[in-house]
Amino acid sequence: MVAEGQSKTFRDAWCRRWLIEPVKTQLTRGMSAEKVSWTIALGLVLGVFPVMGTTSLVCLLVGWLLDLNQALLLVFKTVVYPLHLALILVFIHMGERLWGSSLVTFSVPELMVKFNQDPLQFGRDFGLAALQGVSAWLLIAPVAVLLIRWAVLPPVRKLAAVMEGVKG
């Protein structure tokens, strides 16, 4: 029981430090709750972009184009990193089905080893699979962004109201 309580305390402290505090900081700097919710939703969805080694660059580009806070975008991209690894093969297999390709069998650890050994050769070997994964992601991403934004906007608005009460 003690370990479980300590684990919950650690988790709560981690969430407060790495998720809630960055959001509060942006709200106190004048970022609207609507823009914060878009940033969170895009960070989470861009964080599972199905090409290894590209999520930070994708976030940088989208954040620049949409004038979003880069730090907040990258915080939420980083939160979903384990999910990113888990979904790469899911998106690739969905894309293979969409394109009518034969299913390629490989594992995420195998992909990571090959990517770390030679990223250029990795791109040549798995380029089509990545393209197919991106096509599947592109079908799901807009809906996911809208649903996540819809889910996070009320708590972000509530947090903004609390922050406004603290200021006033």
Foldseek 3Di string as FASTA:
>chain_A
DVVVVVVVVVVVVCCCVLPVVVLLVCLVVPDDLLLLLLLLLQLQLLLLLQDPPCSLVVLVVVCVVVVHDSVSSPSNSVVCNVVSLVCNLVLLVQLCVVVVHDRDDDHSVVLVVVCVVPVVVSCVVCVVSSVSSNVSSVVCSVVSSVVSSVVSSVVSVVSSVVSVVVVD
